[in-house]
Amino acid sequence: FRQAPGKQREFVGAMSRSGGITYYADSVKGRFTISRDNAK
């Protein structure tokens, strides 16, 4: 999530615990990528 000055916190993106599914806000789709490393 992110919060800009004077604005409410907004969703950026999420990933399932399996790591197989990601979902992004339209404002960042195609520009931002979430990844997870369960070993680390």
Full PDB file with SEQRES, HELIX, SHEET, SSBOND, CRYST1, ORIGX, SCALE, CONECT and MASTER records, all heavy atoms in Angstrom:
SEQRES   1 A   40  PHE ARG GLN ALA PRO GLY LYS GLN ARG GLU PHE VAL GLY          
SEQRES   2 A   40  ALA MET SER ARG SER GLY GLY ILE THR TYR TYR ALA ASP          
SEQRES   3 A   40  SER VAL LYS GLY ARG PHE THR ILE SER ARG ASP ASN ALA          
SEQRES   4 A   40  LYS                                                          
SHEET    1 AA1 2 GLY A  13  MET A  15  0                                        
SHEET    2 AA1 2 THR A  22  TYR A  24 -1                                        
CRYST1    1.000    1.000    1.000  90.00  90.00  90.00 P 1           1          
ORIGX1      1.000000  0.000000  0.000000        0.00000                         
ORIGX2      0.000000  1.000000  0.000000        0.00000                         
ORIGX3      0.000000  0.000000  1.000000        0.00000                         
SCALE1      1.000000  0.000000  0.000000        0.00000                         
SCALE2      0.000000  1.000000  0.000000        0.00000                         
SCALE3      0.000000  0.000000  1.000000        0.00000                         
ATOM      1  N   PHE A   1       0.851  -1.180   0.000  1.00  0.00           N  
ATOM      2  CA  PHE A   1       0.000   0.000   0.000  1.00  0.00           C  
ATOM      3  C   PHE A   1       0.893   1.238   0.000  1.00  0.00           C  
ATOM      4  O   PHE A   1       2.089   1.140   0.265  1.00  0.00           O  
ATOM      5  CB  PHE A   1      -0.899   0.024   1.249  1.00  0.00           C  
ATOM      6  CG  PHE A   1      -1.928  -1.074   1.262  1.00  0.00           C  
ATOM      7  CD1 PHE A   1      -1.576  -2.373   1.615  1.00  0.00           C  
ATOM      8  CD2 PHE A   1      -3.248  -0.819   0.924  1.00  0.00           C  
ATOM      9  CE1 PHE A   1      -2.518  -3.397   1.615  1.00  0.00           C  
ATOM     10  CE2 PHE A   1      -4.196  -1.829   0.924  1.00  0.00           C  
ATOM     11  CZ  PHE A   1      -3.822  -3.116   1.272  1.00  0.00           C  
ATOM     12  N   ARG A   2       0.317   2.367  -0.304  1.00  0.00           N  
ATOM     13  CA  ARG A   2       1.093   3.603  -0.247  1.00  0.00           C  
ATOM     14  C   ARG A   2       0.210   4.746   0.235  1.00  0.00           C  
ATOM     15  O   ARG A   2      -1.016   4.701   0.110  1.00  0.00           O  
ATOM     16  CB  ARG A   2       1.692   3.932  -1.616  1.00  0.00           C  
ATOM     17  CG  ARG A   2       0.673   4.275  -2.691  1.00  0.00           C  
ATOM     18  CD  ARG A   2       1.378   4.425  -4.041  1.00  0.00           C  
ATOM     19  NE  ARG A   2       0.431   4.799  -5.100  1.00  0.00           N  
ATOM     20  CZ  ARG A   2       0.774   4.875  -6.386  1.00  0.00           C  
ATOM     21  NH1 ARG A   2       2.019   4.610  -6.770  1.00  0.00           N  
ATOM     22  NH2 ARG A   2      -0.140   5.230  -7.273  1.00  0.00           N  
ATOM     23  N   GLN A   3       0.871   5.735   0.785  1.00  0.00           N  
ATOM     24  CA  GLN A   3       0.147   6.899   1.264  1.00  0.00           C  
ATOM     25  C   GLN A   3       0.946   8.151   0.927  1.00  0.00           C  
ATOM     26  O   GLN A   3       2.078   8.315   1.382  1.00  0.00           O  
ATOM     27  CB  GLN A   3      -0.097   6.817   2.769  1.00  0.00           C  
ATOM     28  CG  GLN A   3      -1.007   7.917   3.290  1.00  0.00           C  
ATOM     29  CD  GLN A   3      -1.506   7.633   4.695  1.00  0.00           C  
ATOM     30  OE1 GLN A   3      -0.959   6.795   5.410  1.00  0.00           O  
ATOM     31  NE2 GLN A   3      -2.566   8.310   5.095  1.00  0.00           N  
ATOM     32  N   ALA A   4       0.344   8.980   0.115  1.00  0.00           N  
ATOM     33  CA  ALA A   4       0.950  10.247  -0.252  1.00  0.00           C  
ATOM     34  C   ALA A   4       0.511  11.317   0.748  1.00  0.00           C  
ATOM     35  O   ALA A   4      -0.527  11.166   1.408  1.00  0.00           O  
ATOM     36  CB  ALA A   4       0.524  10.643  -1.659  1.00  0.00           C  
ATOM     37  N   PRO A   5       1.266  12.386   0.860  1.00  0.00           N  
ATOM     38  CA  PRO A   5       0.907  13.449   1.814  1.00  0.00           C  
ATOM     39  C   PRO A   5      -0.495  13.977   1.554  1.00  0.00           C  
ATOM     40  O   PRO A   5      -0.858  14.295   0.415  1.00  0.00           O  
ATOM     41  CB  PRO A   5       1.961  14.525   1.534  1.00  0.00           C  
ATOM     42  CG  PRO A   5       3.127  13.781   0.996  1.00  0.00           C  
ATOM     43  CD  PRO A   5       2.548  12.660   0.187  1.00  0.00           C  
ATOM     44  N   GLY A   6      -1.279  14.026   2.614  1.00  0.00           N  
ATOM     45  CA  GLY A   6      -2.617  14.564   2.502  1.00  0.00           C  
ATOM     46  C   GLY A   6      -3.636  13.639   1.870  1.00  0.00           C  
ATOM     47  O   GLY A   6      -4.784  14.029   1.642  1.00  0.00           O  
ATOM     48  N   LYS A   7      -3.223  12.412   1.598  1.00  0.00           N  
ATOM     49  CA  LYS A   7      -4.133  11.460   0.955  1.00  0.00           C  
ATOM     50  C   LYS A   7      -4.294  10.221   1.814  1.00  0.00           C  
ATOM     51  O   LYS A   7      -3.495   9.936   2.702  1.00  0.00           O  
ATOM     52  CB  LYS A   7      -3.618  11.077  -0.430  1.00  0.00           C  
ATOM     53  CG  LYS A   7      -3.582  12.231  -1.415  1.00  0.00           C  
ATOM     54  CD  LYS A   7      -3.226  11.737  -2.805  1.00  0.00           C  
ATOM     55  CE  LYS A   7      -3.265  12.871  -3.817  1.00  0.00           C  
ATOM     56  NZ  LYS A   7      -2.925  12.389  -5.182  1.00  0.00           N  
ATOM     57  N   GLN A   8      -5.348   9.480   1.521  1.00  0.00           N  
ATOM     58  CA  GLN A   8      -5.573   8.228   2.231  1.00  0.00           C  
ATOM     59  C   GLN A   8      -4.647   7.137   1.706  1.00  0.00           C  
ATOM     60  O   GLN A   8      -4.160   7.201   0.582  1.00  0.00           O  
ATOM     61  CB  GLN A   8      -7.033   7.796   2.048  1.00  0.00           C  
ATOM     62  CG  GLN A   8      -8.034   8.671   2.788  1.00  0.00           C  
ATOM     63  CD  GLN A   8      -9.431   8.094   2.763  1.00  0.00           C  
ATOM     64  OE1 GLN A   8      -9.797   7.361   1.843  1.00  0.00           O  
ATOM     65  NE2 GLN A   8     -10.219   8.400   3.777  1.00  0.00           N  
ATOM     66  N   ARG A   9      -4.435   6.161   2.543  1.00  0.00           N  
ATOM     67  CA  ARG A   9      -3.639   5.016   2.128  1.00  0.00           C  
ATOM     68  C   ARG A   9      -4.368   4.293   1.002  1.00  0.00           C  
ATOM     69  O   ARG A   9      -5.576   4.075   1.068  1.00  0.00           O  
ATOM     70  CB  ARG A   9      -3.417   4.073   3.306  1.00  0.00           C  
ATOM     71  CG  ARG A   9      -2.431   2.974   3.045  1.00  0.00           C  
ATOM     72  CD  ARG A   9      -2.072   2.236   4.329  1.00  0.00           C  
ATOM     73  NE  ARG A   9      -1.448   3.122   5.308  1.00  0.00           N  
ATOM     74  CZ  ARG A   9      -0.869   2.705   6.419  1.00  0.00           C  
ATOM     75  NH1 ARG A   9      -0.838   1.411   6.702  1.00  0.00           N  
ATOM     76  NH2 ARG A   9      -0.334   3.559   7.263  1.00  0.00           N  
ATOM     77  N   GLU A  10      -3.626   3.938  -0.025  1.00  0.00           N  
ATOM     78  CA  GLU A  10      -4.239   3.265  -1.158  1.00  0.00           C  
ATOM     79  C   GLU A  10      -3.515   1.965  -1.495  1.00  0.00           C  
ATOM     80  O   GLU A  10      -2.310   1.818  -1.263  1.00  0.00           O  
ATOM     81  CB  GLU A  10      -4.263   4.169  -2.395  1.00  0.00           C  
ATOM     82  CG  GLU A  10      -2.921   4.496  -2.977  1.00  0.00           C  
ATOM     83  CD  GLU A  10      -3.011   5.207  -4.323  1.00  0.00           C  
ATOM     84  OE1 GLU A  10      -4.114   5.325  -4.882  1.00  0.00           O  
ATOM     85  OE2 GLU A  10      -1.958   5.643  -4.812  1.00  0.00           O  
ATOM     86  N   PHE A  11      -4.277   1.072  -2.052  1.00  0.00           N  
ATOM     87  CA  PHE A  11      -3.760  -0.232  -2.442  1.00  0.00           C  
ATOM     88  C   PHE A  11      -2.853  -0.101  -3.663  1.00  0.00           C  
ATOM     89  O   PHE A  11      -3.145   0.644  -4.592  1.00  0.00           O  
ATOM     90  CB  PHE A  11      -4.941  -1.140  -2.764  1.00  0.00           C  
ATOM     91  CG  PHE A  11      -4.579  -2.452  -3.385  1.00  0.00           C  
ATOM     92  CD1 PHE A  11      -4.020  -3.476  -2.615  1.00  0.00           C  
ATOM     93  CD2 PHE A  11      -4.790  -2.685  -4.733  1.00  0.00           C  
ATOM     94  CE1 PHE A  11      -3.689  -4.687  -3.181  1.00  0.00           C  
ATOM     95  CE2 PHE A  11      -4.470  -3.900  -5.308  1.00  0.00           C  
ATOM     96  CZ  PHE A  11      -3.917  -4.895  -4.538  1.00  0.00           C  
ATOM     97  N   VAL A  12      -1.745  -0.841  -3.645  1.00  0.00           N  
ATOM     98  CA  VAL A  12      -0.827  -0.882  -4.774  1.00  0.00           C  
ATOM     99  C   VAL A  12      -0.877  -2.245  -5.452  1.00  0.00           C  
ATOM    100  O   VAL A  12      -1.080  -2.355  -6.662  1.00  0.00           O  
ATOM    101  CB  VAL A  12       0.614  -0.573  -4.317  1.00  0.00           C  
ATOM    102  CG1 VAL A  12       1.600  -0.767  -5.475  1.00  0.00           C  
ATOM    103  CG2 VAL A  12       0.713   0.837  -3.753  1.00  0.00           C  
ATOM    104  N   GLY A  13      -0.672  -3.290  -4.683  1.00  0.00           N  
ATOM    105  CA  GLY A  13      -0.684  -4.625  -5.252  1.00  0.00           C  
ATOM    106  C   GLY A  13      -0.661  -5.672  -4.159  1.00  0.00           C  
ATOM    107  O   GLY A  13      -0.370  -5.377  -2.999  1.00  0.00           O  
ATOM    108  N   ALA A  14      -0.977  -6.905  -4.534  1.00  0.00           N  
ATOM    109  CA  ALA A  14      -1.015  -7.995  -3.564  1.00  0.00           C  
ATOM    110  C   ALA A  14      -0.615  -9.296  -4.231  1.00  0.00           C  
ATOM    111  O   ALA A  14      -0.708  -9.446  -5.458  1.00  0.00           O  
ATOM    112  CB  ALA A  14      -2.408  -8.130  -2.953  1.00  0.00           C  
ATOM    113  N   MET A  15      -0.174 -10.217  -3.400  1.00  0.00           N  
ATOM    114  CA  MET A  15       0.203 -11.543  -3.883  1.00  0.00           C  
ATOM    115  C   MET A  15      -0.336 -12.585  -2.922  1.00  0.00           C  
ATOM    116  O   MET A  15      -0.244 -12.425  -1.703  1.00  0.00           O  
ATOM    117  CB  MET A  15       1.726 -11.653  -3.998  1.00  0.00           C  
ATOM    118  CG  MET A  15       2.228 -13.036  -4.356  1.00  0.00           C  
ATOM    119  SD  MET A  15       4.008 -13.103  -4.628  1.00  0.00           S  
ATOM    120  CE  MET A  15       4.083 -12.607  -6.346  1.00  0.00           C  
ATOM    121  N   SER A  16      -0.864 -13.651  -3.464  1.00  0.00           N  
ATOM    122  CA  SER A  16      -1.354 -14.741  -2.635  1.00  0.00           C  
ATOM    123  C   SER A  16      -0.203 -15.412  -1.900  1.00  0.00           C  
ATOM    124  O   SER A  16       0.960 -15.272  -2.279  1.00  0.00           O  
ATOM    125  CB  SER A  16      -2.072 -15.771  -3.509  1.00  0.00           C  
ATOM    126  OG  SER A  16      -1.153 -16.342  -4.429  1.00  0.00           O  
ATOM    127  N   ARG A  17      -0.536 -16.165  -0.874  1.00  0.00           N  
ATOM    128  CA  ARG A  17       0.552 -16.811  -0.127  1.00  0.00           C  
ATOM    129  C   ARG A  17       1.225 -17.893  -0.952  1.00  0.00           C  
ATOM    130  O   ARG A  17       2.378 -18.233  -0.713  1.00  0.00           O  
ATOM    131  CB  ARG A  17       0.054 -17.370   1.202  1.00  0.00           C  
ATOM    132  CG  ARG A  17      -0.857 -18.583   1.134  1.00  0.00           C  
ATOM    133  CD  ARG A  17      -1.069 -19.138   2.549  1.00  0.00           C  
ATOM    134  NE  ARG A  17      -1.820 -20.371   2.555  1.00  0.00           N  
ATOM    135  CZ  ARG A  17      -3.097 -20.465   2.864  1.00  0.00           C  
ATOM    136  NH1 ARG A  17      -3.768 -19.370   3.187  1.00  0.00           N  
ATOM    137  NH2 ARG A  17      -3.701 -21.632   2.868  1.00  0.00           N  
ATOM    138  N   SER A  18       0.519 -18.422  -1.920  1.00  0.00           N  
ATOM    139  CA  SER A  18       1.134 -19.397  -2.831  1.00  0.00           C  
ATOM    140  C   SER A  18       2.107 -18.736  -3.789  1.00  0.00           C  
ATOM    141  O   SER A  18       2.948 -19.399  -4.393  1.00  0.00           O  
ATOM    142  CB  SER A  18       0.043 -20.110  -3.626  1.00  0.00           C  
ATOM    143  OG  SER A  18      -0.557 -19.216  -4.555  1.00  0.00           O  
ATOM    144  N   GLY A  19       1.982 -17.421  -3.921  1.00  0.00           N  
ATOM    145  CA  GLY A  19       2.820 -16.690  -4.863  1.00  0.00           C  
ATOM    146  C   GLY A  19       2.339 -16.777  -6.294  1.00  0.00           C  
ATOM    147  O   GLY A  19       2.882 -16.127  -7.182  1.00  0.00           O  
ATOM    148  N   GLY A  20       1.289 -17.566  -6.508  1.00  0.00           N  
ATOM    149  CA  GLY A  20       0.859 -17.783  -7.876  1.00  0.00           C  
ATOM    150  C   GLY A  20      -0.064 -16.728  -8.432  1.00  0.00           C  
ATOM    151  O   GLY A  20      -0.293 -16.671  -9.647  1.00  0.00           O  
ATOM    152  N   ILE A  21      -0.604 -15.915  -7.566  1.00  0.00           N  
ATOM    153  CA  ILE A  21      -1.574 -14.922  -8.015  1.00  0.00           C  
ATOM    154  C   ILE A  21      -1.159 -13.536  -7.528  1.00  0.00           C  
ATOM    155  O   ILE A  21      -0.823 -13.355  -6.356  1.00  0.00           O  
ATOM    156  CB  ILE A  21      -2.978 -15.260  -7.487  1.00  0.00           C  
ATOM    157  CG1 ILE A  21      -3.447 -16.589  -8.080  1.00  0.00           C  
ATOM    158  CG2 ILE A  21      -3.965 -14.160  -7.833  1.00  0.00           C  
ATOM    159  CD1 ILE A  21      -4.791 -17.057  -7.585  1.00  0.00           C  
ATOM    160  N   THR A  22      -1.163 -12.591  -8.445  1.00  0.00           N  
ATOM    161  CA  THR A  22      -0.902 -11.203  -8.105  1.00  0.00           C  
ATOM    162  C   THR A  22      -2.031 -10.338  -8.626  1.00  0.00           C  
ATOM    163  O   THR A  22      -2.715 -10.705  -9.604  1.00  0.00           O  
ATOM    164  CB  THR A  22       0.427 -10.709  -8.701  1.00  0.00           C  
ATOM    165  OG1 THR A  22       0.444 -10.980 -10.113  1.00  0.00           O  
ATOM    166  CG2 THR A  22       1.612 -11.373  -8.036  1.00  0.00           C  
ATOM    167  N   TYR A  23      -2.205  -9.216  -7.989  1.00  0.00           N  
ATOM    168  CA  TYR A  23      -3.278  -8.294  -8.360  1.00  0.00           C  
ATOM    169  C   TYR A  23      -2.772  -6.893  -8.110  1.00  0.00           C  
ATOM    170  O   TYR A  23      -2.165  -6.628  -7.079  1.00  0.00           O  
ATOM    171  CB  TYR A  23      -4.521  -8.587  -7.511  1.00  0.00           C  
ATOM    172  CG  TYR A  23      -5.677  -7.651  -7.740  1.00  0.00           C  
ATOM    173  CD1 TYR A  23      -6.367  -7.665  -8.940  1.00  0.00           C  
ATOM    174  CD2 TYR A  23      -6.076  -6.763  -6.746  1.00  0.00           C  
ATOM    175  CE1 TYR A  23      -7.434  -6.809  -9.146  1.00  0.00           C  
ATOM    176  CE2 TYR A  23      -7.136  -5.904  -6.942  1.00  0.00           C  
ATOM    177  CZ  TYR A  23      -7.803  -5.934  -8.147  1.00  0.00           C  
ATOM    178  OH  TYR A  23      -8.857  -5.085  -8.347  1.00  0.00           O  
ATOM    179  N   TYR A  24      -3.006  -6.003  -9.081  1.00  0.00           N  
ATOM    180  CA  TYR A  24      -2.459  -4.663  -8.994  1.00  0.00           C  
ATOM    181  C   TYR A  24      -3.538  -3.602  -9.173  1.00  0.00           C  
ATOM    182  O   TYR A  24      -4.522  -3.815  -9.894  1.00  0.00           O  
ATOM    183  CB  TYR A  24      -1.383  -4.465 -10.065  1.00  0.00           C  
ATOM    184  CG  TYR A  24      -0.220  -5.405  -9.939  1.00  0.00           C  
ATOM    185  CD1 TYR A  24      -0.186  -6.599 -10.645  1.00  0.00           C  
ATOM    186  CD2 TYR A  24       0.854  -5.106  -9.102  1.00  0.00           C  
ATOM    187  CE1 TYR A  24       0.881  -7.472 -10.527  1.00  0.00           C  
ATOM    188  CE2 TYR A  24       1.927  -5.976  -8.980  1.00  0.00           C  
ATOM    189  CZ  TYR A  24       1.929  -7.154  -9.690  1.00  0.00           C  
ATOM    190  OH  TYR A  24       2.979  -8.021  -9.566  1.00  0.00           O  
ATOM    191  N   ALA A  25      -3.296  -2.473  -8.558  1.00  0.00           N  
ATOM    192  CA  ALA A  25      -4.149  -1.321  -8.814  1.00  0.00           C  
ATOM    193  C   ALA A  25      -3.954  -0.873 -10.260  1.00  0.00           C  
ATOM    194  O   ALA A  25      -2.853  -1.016 -10.821  1.00  0.00           O  
ATOM    195  CB  ALA A  25      -3.798  -0.184  -7.861  1.00  0.00           C  
ATOM    196  N   ASP A  26      -4.985  -0.336 -10.847  1.00  0.00           N  
ATOM    197  CA  ASP A  26      -4.891   0.098 -12.239  1.00  0.00           C  
ATOM    198  C   ASP A  26      -3.792   1.135 -12.434  1.00  0.00           C  
ATOM    199  O   ASP A  26      -3.154   1.179 -13.487  1.00  0.00           O  
ATOM    200  CB  ASP A  26      -6.234   0.686 -12.687  1.00  0.00           C  
ATOM    201  CG  ASP A  26      -7.294  -0.371 -12.872  1.00  0.00           C  
ATOM    202  OD1 ASP A  26      -6.953  -1.565 -12.989  1.00  0.00           O  
ATOM    203  OD2 ASP A  26      -8.486  -0.015 -12.909  1.00  0.00           O  
ATOM    204  N   SER A  27      -3.558   1.934 -11.421  1.00  0.00           N  
ATOM    205  CA  SER A  27      -2.588   3.024 -11.546  1.00  0.00           C  
ATOM    206  C   SER A  27      -1.150   2.522 -11.682  1.00  0.00           C  
ATOM    207  O   SER A  27      -0.275   3.270 -12.138  1.00  0.00           O  
ATOM    208  CB  SER A  27      -2.695   3.958 -10.333  1.00  0.00           C  
ATOM    209  OG  SER A  27      -2.464   3.237  -9.129  1.00  0.00           O  
ATOM    210  N   VAL A  28      -0.898   1.280 -11.286  1.00  0.00           N  
ATOM    211  CA  VAL A  28       0.473   0.760 -11.345  1.00  0.00           C  
ATOM    212  C   VAL A  28       0.595  -0.466 -12.236  1.00  0.00           C  
ATOM    213  O   VAL A  28       1.710  -0.955 -12.459  1.00  0.00           O  
ATOM    214  CB  VAL A  28       1.003   0.415  -9.932  1.00  0.00           C  
ATOM    215  CG1 VAL A  28       0.864   1.609  -9.007  1.00  0.00           C  
ATOM    216  CG2 VAL A  28       0.310  -0.810  -9.354  1.00  0.00           C  
ATOM    217  N   LYS A  29      -0.505  -0.954 -12.727  1.00  0.00           N  
ATOM    218  CA  LYS A  29      -0.490  -2.164 -13.537  1.00  0.00           C  
ATOM    219  C   LYS A  29       0.413  -1.983 -14.756  1.00  0.00           C  
ATOM    220  O   LYS A  29       0.350  -0.971 -15.447  1.00  0.00           O  
ATOM    221  CB  LYS A  29      -1.910  -2.497 -13.973  1.00  0.00           C  
ATOM    222  CG  LYS A  29      -2.119  -3.913 -14.454  1.00  0.00           C  
ATOM    223  CD  LYS A  29      -3.601  -4.186 -14.696  1.00  0.00           C  
ATOM    224  CE  LYS A  29      -4.412  -4.082 -13.437  1.00  0.00           C  
ATOM    225  NZ  LYS A  29      -5.848  -4.377 -13.646  1.00  0.00           N  
ATOM    226  N   GLY A  30       1.262  -2.970 -14.977  1.00  0.00           N  
ATOM    227  CA  GLY A  30       2.194  -2.899 -16.092  1.00  0.00           C  
ATOM    228  C   GLY A  30       3.496  -2.198 -15.759  1.00  0.00           C  
ATOM    229  O   GLY A  30       4.456  -2.278 -16.523  1.00  0.00           O  
ATOM    230  N   ARG A  31       3.530  -1.524 -14.621  1.00  0.00           N  
ATOM    231  CA  ARG A  31       4.753  -0.821 -14.207  1.00  0.00           C  
ATOM    232  C   ARG A  31       5.368  -1.421 -12.949  1.00  0.00           C  
ATOM    233  O   ARG A  31       6.589  -1.405 -12.786  1.00  0.00           O  
ATOM    234  CB  ARG A  31       4.450   0.662 -13.956  1.00  0.00           C  
ATOM    235  CG  ARG A  31       3.904   1.396 -15.155  1.00  0.00           C  
ATOM    236  CD  ARG A  31       3.826   2.909 -14.900  1.00  0.00           C  
ATOM    237  NE  ARG A  31       2.919   3.238 -13.813  1.00  0.00           N  
ATOM    238  CZ  ARG A  31       3.301   3.893 -12.703  1.00  0.00           C  
ATOM    239  NH1 ARG A  31       4.554   4.261 -12.538  1.00  0.00           N  
ATOM    240  NH2 ARG A  31       2.403   4.162 -11.754  1.00  0.00           N  
ATOM    241  N   PHE A  32       4.542  -1.948 -12.075  1.00  0.00           N  
ATOM    242  CA  PHE A  32       5.009  -2.493 -10.801  1.00  0.00           C  
ATOM    243  C   PHE A  32       4.863  -4.008 -10.809  1.00  0.00           C  
ATOM    244  O   PHE A  32       3.896  -4.548 -11.370  1.00  0.00           O  
ATOM    245  CB  PHE A  32       4.207  -1.930  -9.638  1.00  0.00           C  
ATOM    246  CG  PHE A  32       4.455  -0.475  -9.319  1.00  0.00           C  
ATOM    247  CD1 PHE A  32       5.129   0.358 -10.192  1.00  0.00           C  
ATOM    248  CD2 PHE A  32       4.004   0.056  -8.119  1.00  0.00           C  
ATOM    249  CE1 PHE A  32       5.353   1.692  -9.904  1.00  0.00           C  
ATOM    250  CE2 PHE A  32       4.213   1.394  -7.804  1.00  0.00           C  
ATOM    251  CZ  PHE A  32       4.887   2.206  -8.704  1.00  0.00           C  
ATOM    252  N   THR A  33       5.785  -4.682 -10.140  1.00  0.00           N  
ATOM    253  CA  THR A  33       5.743  -6.139 -10.044  1.00  0.00           C  
ATOM    254  C   THR A  33       6.063  -6.568  -8.624  1.00  0.00           C  
ATOM    255  O   THR A  33       7.057  -6.120  -8.047  1.00  0.00           O  
ATOM    256  CB  THR A  33       6.747  -6.787 -11.006  1.00  0.00           C  
ATOM    257  OG1 THR A  33       6.482  -6.362 -12.340  1.00  0.00           O  
ATOM    258  CG2 THR A  33       6.649  -8.311 -10.929  1.00  0.00           C  
ATOM    259  N   ILE A  34       5.238  -7.445  -8.099  1.00  0.00           N  
ATOM    260  CA  ILE A  34       5.472  -8.008  -6.768  1.00  0.00           C  
ATOM    261  C   ILE A  34       6.033  -9.409  -6.929  1.00  0.00           C  
ATOM    262  O   ILE A  34       5.570 -10.198  -7.758  1.00  0.00           O  
ATOM    263  CB  ILE A  34       4.166  -8.072  -5.967  1.00  0.00           C  
ATOM    264  CG1 ILE A  34       3.633  -6.663  -5.700  1.00  0.00           C  
ATOM    265  CG2 ILE A  34       4.382  -8.797  -4.637  1.00  0.00           C  
ATOM    266  CD1 ILE A  34       2.261  -6.659  -5.049  1.00  0.00           C  
ATOM    267  N   SER A  35       7.016  -9.707  -6.101  1.00  0.00           N  
ATOM    268  CA  SER A  35       7.542 -11.069  -6.060  1.00  0.00           C  
ATOM    269  C   SER A  35       7.831 -11.416  -4.600  1.00  0.00           C  
ATOM    270  O   SER A  35       7.966 -10.536  -3.766  1.00  0.00           O  
ATOM    271  CB  SER A  35       8.810 -11.193  -6.908  1.00  0.00           C  
ATOM    272  OG  SER A  35       9.815 -10.316  -6.428  1.00  0.00           O  
ATOM    273  N   ARG A  36       7.882 -12.694  -4.322  1.00  0.00           N  
ATOM    274  CA  ARG A  36       8.181 -13.115  -2.961  1.00  0.00           C  
ATOM    275  C   ARG A  36       9.176 -14.258  -2.987  1.00  0.00           C  
ATOM    276  O   ARG A  36       9.201 -15.066  -3.922  1.00  0.00           O  
ATOM    277  CB  ARG A  36       6.921 -13.493  -2.193  1.00  0.00           C  
ATOM    278  CG  ARG A  36       6.175 -14.716  -2.683  1.00  0.00           C  
ATOM    279  CD  ARG A  36       4.836 -14.865  -1.940  1.00  0.00           C  
ATOM    280  NE  ARG A  36       5.017 -15.193  -0.540  1.00  0.00           N  
ATOM    281  CZ  ARG A  36       4.077 -15.032   0.402  1.00  0.00           C  
ATOM    282  NH1 ARG A  36       2.896 -14.525   0.052  1.00  0.00           N  
ATOM    283  NH2 ARG A  36       4.303 -15.349   1.658  1.00  0.00           N  
ATOM    284  N   ASP A  37       9.989 -14.295  -1.958  1.00  0.00           N  
ATOM    285  CA  ASP A  37      10.977 -15.350  -1.792  1.00  0.00           C  
ATOM    286  C   ASP A  37      10.724 -15.960  -0.420  1.00  0.00           C  
ATOM    287  O   ASP A  37      11.161 -15.429   0.600  1.00  0.00           O  
ATOM    288  CB  ASP A  37      12.394 -14.774  -1.897  1.00  0.00           C  
ATOM    289  CG  ASP A  37      13.462 -15.842  -1.863  1.00  0.00           C  
ATOM    290  OD1 ASP A  37      13.197 -16.951  -1.335  1.00  0.00           O  
ATOM    291  OD2 ASP A  37      14.565 -15.573  -2.356  1.00  0.00           O  
ATOM    292  N   ASN A  38      10.021 -17.079  -0.402  1.00  0.00           N  
ATOM    293  CA  ASN A  38       9.668 -17.693   0.875  1.00  0.00           C  
ATOM    294  C   ASN A  38      10.894 -18.185   1.626  1.00  0.00           C  
ATOM    295  O   ASN A  38      10.907 -18.238   2.855  1.00  0.00           O  
ATOM    296  CB  ASN A  38       8.682 -18.832   0.657  1.00  0.00           C  
ATOM    297  CG  ASN A  38       7.281 -18.333   0.353  1.00  0.00           C  
ATOM    298  OD1 ASN A  38       6.957 -17.165   0.584  1.00  0.00           O  
ATOM    299  ND2 ASN A  38       6.445 -19.208  -0.177  1.00  0.00           N  
ATOM    300  N   ALA A  39      11.950 -18.549   0.912  1.00  0.00           N  
ATOM    301  CA  ALA A  39      13.167 -19.019   1.576  1.00  0.00           C  
ATOM    302  C   ALA A  39      13.855 -17.883   2.326  1.00  0.00           C  
ATOM    303  O   ALA A  39      14.525 -18.120   3.337  1.00  0.00           O  
ATOM    304  CB  ALA A  39      14.114 -19.627   0.553  1.00  0.00           C  
ATOM    305  N   LYS A  40      13.690 -16.664   1.826  1.00  0.00           N  
ATOM    306  CA  LYS A  40      14.326 -15.509   2.450  1.00  0.00           C  
ATOM    307  C   LYS A  40      13.350 -14.666   3.268  1.00  0.00           C  
ATOM    308  O   LYS A  40      13.729 -13.619   3.797  1.00  0.00           O  
ATOM    309  CB  LYS A  40      14.978 -14.633   1.382  1.00  0.00           C  
ATOM    310  CG  LYS A  40      16.122 -15.306   0.651  1.00  0.00           C  
ATOM    311  CD  LYS A  40      16.769 -14.367  -0.358  1.00  0.00           C  
ATOM    312  CE  LYS A  40      17.946 -15.042  -1.056  1.00  0.00           C  
ATOM    313  NZ  LYS A  40      18.588 -14.131  -2.051  1.00  0.00           N  
TER     314      LYS A  40                                                      
MASTER        0    0    0    0    2    0    0    6  313    1    0    4          
END                                                                             
